[in-house]
Protein backbone atom coordinates (compact mmCIF):
# COMPACT_ATOMS: atom_id res chain seq x y z
CA MET A 1 -13.04 17.72 2.32
CA ILE A 2 -11.57 21.48 2.54
CA ALA A 3 -15.84 22.65 2.72
CA VAL A 4 -16.46 20.25 5.87
CA ASP A 5 -12.97 20.47 7.11
CA PRO A 6 -10.57 22.84 5.90
CA SER A 7 -7.01 21.37 8.26
CA ALA A 8 -8.09 17.81 6.54
CA PRO A 9 -5.90 17.16 4.16
CA THR A 10 -2.47 16.16 4.97
CA ALA A 11 -0.29 19.23 3.84
CA GLU A 12 1.10 17.01 0.44
CA GLU A 13 -3.16 16.78 -0.37
CA HIS A 14 -2.90 20.63 -0.09
CA ALA A 15 0.20 21.39 -2.04
CA ALA A 16 -1.62 18.60 -4.91
CA LYS A 17 -4.96 20.02 -4.08
CA ALA A 18 -6.53 16.26 -4.61
CA VAL A 19 -6.92 13.70 -3.07
CA THR A 20 -7.73 9.79 -3.66
CA LYS A 21 -11.44 9.28 -3.49
CA LEU A 22 -10.18 6.55 -0.54
CA ARG A 23 -9.01 8.86 1.56
CA TYR A 24 -12.40 11.02 0.67
CA MET A 25 -14.29 8.14 1.09
CA GLN A 26 -12.58 7.70 4.29
CA PHE A 27 -12.80 10.91 5.43
CA ARG A 28 -16.36 10.91 4.62
CA GLU A 29 -17.49 8.07 6.64
CA GLU A 30 -15.07 9.51 9.63
CA GLN A 31 -17.22 12.51 9.55
CA SER A 32 -20.52 10.97 9.81
CA SER A 33 -22.30 8.18 11.30
CA THR A 34 -20.95 5.67 9.01
CA SER A 35 -17.51 5.10 11.25
CA THR A 36 -20.12 3.63 13.85
CA LEU A 37 -23.04 3.01 13.07
CA GLY A 38 -22.45 1.52 9.64
CA PHE A 39 -24.54 4.28 8.13
CA ARG A 40 -25.26 7.41 7.29
CA ILE A 41 -28.84 9.73 6.44
CA GLU A 42 -28.14 11.52 3.08
CA ALA A 43 -30.71 13.72 2.69
CA MET A 44 -34.67 13.91 3.73
CA GLU A 45 -36.65 15.50 1.61
CA PHE A 46 -40.84 16.55 3.79
CA ARG A 47 -43.80 17.65 1.34
CA GLY A 48 -43.37 21.28 -0.20
CA SER A 49 -40.13 21.88 1.13
CA LYS A 50 -36.40 21.72 -0.51
CA PRO A 51 -34.35 18.29 -0.07
CA VAL A 52 -32.15 18.80 3.28
CA THR A 53 -28.74 17.13 2.30
CA ASP A 54 -26.37 19.23 5.14
CA LEU A 55 -26.50 16.02 6.41
CA LYS A 56 -22.76 15.24 6.61
CA LYS A 57 -21.73 16.17 9.70
CA VAL A 58 -24.76 13.89 11.46
CA LYS A 59 -22.15 11.85 13.51
CA ASN A 60 -23.36 10.54 17.15
CA SER A 61 -26.34 7.62 18.32
CA GLN A 62 -28.15 10.77 19.72
CA GLU A 63 -27.95 13.18 16.46
CA VAL A 64 -29.19 10.14 13.43
CA CYS A 65 -32.49 9.55 16.61
CA ASP A 66 -32.99 13.47 16.92
CA THR A 67 -32.59 13.50 12.83
CA LEU A 68 -34.85 11.10 12.52
CA SER A 69 -37.37 11.47 14.80
CA LEU A 70 -37.74 15.07 12.82
CA PHE A 71 -37.92 13.07 9.69
CA PHE A 72 -41.31 10.31 11.00
CA GLY A 73 -42.63 13.69 13.12
CA ASP A 74 -45.04 12.27 15.68
CA ARG A 75 -46.32 9.56 13.14
CA GLU A 76 -44.96 6.23 15.55
CA ASP A 77 -46.74 4.04 13.35
CA ILE A 78 -44.89 5.00 10.52
CA ARG A 79 -41.43 4.03 12.49
CA GLN A 80 -42.84 1.07 13.99
CA ARG A 81 -44.07 -0.01 9.95
CA LEU A 82 -40.13 0.92 8.49
CA ALA A 83 -38.73 -0.54 11.39
CA THR A 84 -40.91 -3.92 10.35
CA ARG A 85 -40.06 -3.50 6.81
CA LEU A 86 -36.32 -3.54 7.59
CA ILE A 87 -36.57 -6.23 9.29
CA GLU A 88 -37.82 -8.10 6.78
CA ILE A 89 -35.31 -6.57 4.63
CA ARG A 90 -33.04 -8.01 6.83
CA ALA A 91 -34.39 -11.58 7.14
CA ARG A 92 -34.15 -11.88 2.88
CA LEU A 93 -30.87 -10.65 2.87
CA GLU A 94 -29.56 -13.29 5.53
CA GLN A 95 -31.03 -15.76 3.59
CA SER A 96 -29.84 -14.61 -0.04
CA LEU A 97 -27.29 -16.91 -1.97
CA TYR A 98 -26.75 -14.46 -4.41
CA PHE A 99 -26.20 -11.57 -1.01
CA LYS A 100 -23.56 -13.85 -0.32
CA LYS A 101 -21.76 -13.71 -3.08
CA HIS A 102 -21.48 -10.01 -3.74
CA GLU A 103 -19.83 -7.32 -1.98
CA VAL A 104 -22.38 -4.32 -2.14
CA VAL A 105 -20.91 -1.03 -1.81
CA GLY A 106 -21.68 2.29 -2.17
CA SER A 107 -25.61 1.21 -2.16
CA SER A 108 -28.66 3.00 -0.18
CA ILE A 109 -32.19 2.29 1.13
CA LEU A 110 -34.43 4.53 0.25
CA ILE A 111 -37.19 5.07 2.82
CA ILE A 112 -40.41 6.46 1.85
CA TYR A 113 -44.29 6.96 3.34
CA ASP A 114 -46.82 9.42 2.90
CA ASP A 115 -50.78 9.68 4.76
CA VAL A 116 -51.19 5.67 4.22
CA LYS A 117 -48.55 3.93 2.84
CA VAL A 118 -45.07 3.24 4.19
CA GLY A 119 -41.74 1.79 1.79
CA ALA A 120 -37.78 1.02 2.48
CA TRP A 121 -36.19 0.10 -1.29
CA LEU A 122 -32.71 -0.95 -1.76
CA ILE A 123 -31.06 0.80 -4.13
CA ASP A 124 -27.77 1.87 -5.71
CA PHE A 125 -26.24 -0.98 -6.75
CA ALA A 126 -23.88 -0.65 -9.94
CA LYS A 127 -20.89 -1.14 -7.48
CA THR A 128 -21.94 -4.84 -6.40
CA ARG A 129 -18.97 -7.50 -7.86
CA PRO A 130 -19.61 -11.21 -7.39
CA VAL A 131 -16.42 -12.08 -4.88
CA PRO A 132 -13.98 -15.34 -5.64
CA SER A 133 -16.22 -18.80 -5.13
CA ASP A 134 -14.67 -20.19 -2.02
CA LYS A 135 -15.70 -17.01 -0.50
CA ASN A 136 -19.01 -16.09 1.75
CA LEU A 137 -19.80 -13.16 3.02
CA THR A 138 -21.10 -11.68 6.12
CA HIS A 139 -21.91 -8.19 5.48
CA ARG A 140 -21.38 -7.26 8.92
CA LEU A 141 -17.63 -6.81 8.64
CA PRO A 142 -15.40 -3.82 8.26
CA TRP A 143 -14.18 -2.98 5.09
CA SER A 144 -10.34 -3.87 4.56
CA PRO A 145 -8.47 -4.59 1.22
CA GLY A 146 -8.85 -7.85 0.10
CA ASN A 147 -11.34 -8.90 2.73
CA HIS A 148 -15.05 -8.21 0.56
CA GLU A 149 -16.61 -7.09 3.57
CA GLU A 150 -18.84 -3.34 3.41
CA GLY A 151 -20.36 -4.10 6.25
CA PHE A 152 -24.54 -3.07 5.04
CA LEU A 153 -25.79 -6.19 7.45
CA TYR A 154 -24.04 -4.29 10.06
CA GLY A 155 -25.47 -0.47 9.46
CA LEU A 156 -28.50 -2.08 9.16
CA ASP A 157 -28.18 -3.58 12.52
CA MET A 158 -27.53 -0.19 13.63
CA LEU A 159 -30.57 1.92 11.29
CA ILE A 160 -32.60 -1.14 13.41
CA LYS A 161 -31.59 -0.79 16.48
CA THR A 162 -31.28 3.21 16.29
CA MET A 163 -35.51 3.29 14.89
CA GLU A 164 -36.33 0.62 17.36
CA LYS A 165 -34.86 3.70 20.22
CA ILE A 166 -36.97 6.60 18.96
CA LYS A 167 -40.16 6.46 21.55
CA ILE A 168 -42.82 8.72 19.49
CA PRO A 169 -46.09 9.83 22.00
CA LEU A 170 -49.04 8.07 19.99
CA ASN A 171 -51.41 10.56 21.44
CA VAL A 172 -49.87 13.34 19.27
CA LYS A 173 -51.69 14.09 15.45
CA THR A 174 -49.95 15.68 12.69
CA GLU A 175 -50.69 17.60 9.17
CA ALA A 176 -50.19 14.99 6.42
CA SER A 177 -46.95 14.69 4.58
CA THR A 178 -44.58 12.56 2.24
CA PRO A 179 -41.28 12.73 3.71
CA SER A 180 -38.37 10.79 2.09
CA VAL A 181 -35.17 10.33 3.51
CA LEU A 182 -31.86 8.33 1.86
CA LEU A 183 -29.36 6.43 3.77
CA THR A 184 -25.97 5.39 2.71
CA SER A 185 -23.72 2.20 3.81
């Protein structure tokens, strides 16, 4: 927290040299696009380069669009195919009885492509928990204590909308690459 914003901890937190996990997670969400878009970009990697992980402050819609544009390079076909894959994932989740009955905390979407293939997968389900049997989750509401909602589908909706806003010229060619990006809700 201090590395990102030295003034963020309260006087009590400075004195204790500690913050609660909830406080840190809320701080991290406020510093990134999670608080407004329901997702954040954790990392990107390009063939032959080290992963880019200093994305904690990619916050507003335009910064997210710019970051995703960098990730896609000039590959409009990749952007379109990934958007289609994310729409397919969303449709399957919306139909899933399991998903309606489980909160999904701390999960991610791994996106990767190369010269031929495009993929997006849901990962990190260690904190997935069943909700009370009388509860059905929408996954589009913000979290509040006891509601079991984590906004997963809201974040996915916003990721799809963000990807659809990006326009890449179709007449530009690039070198082959194998980038990957990790998005977290």
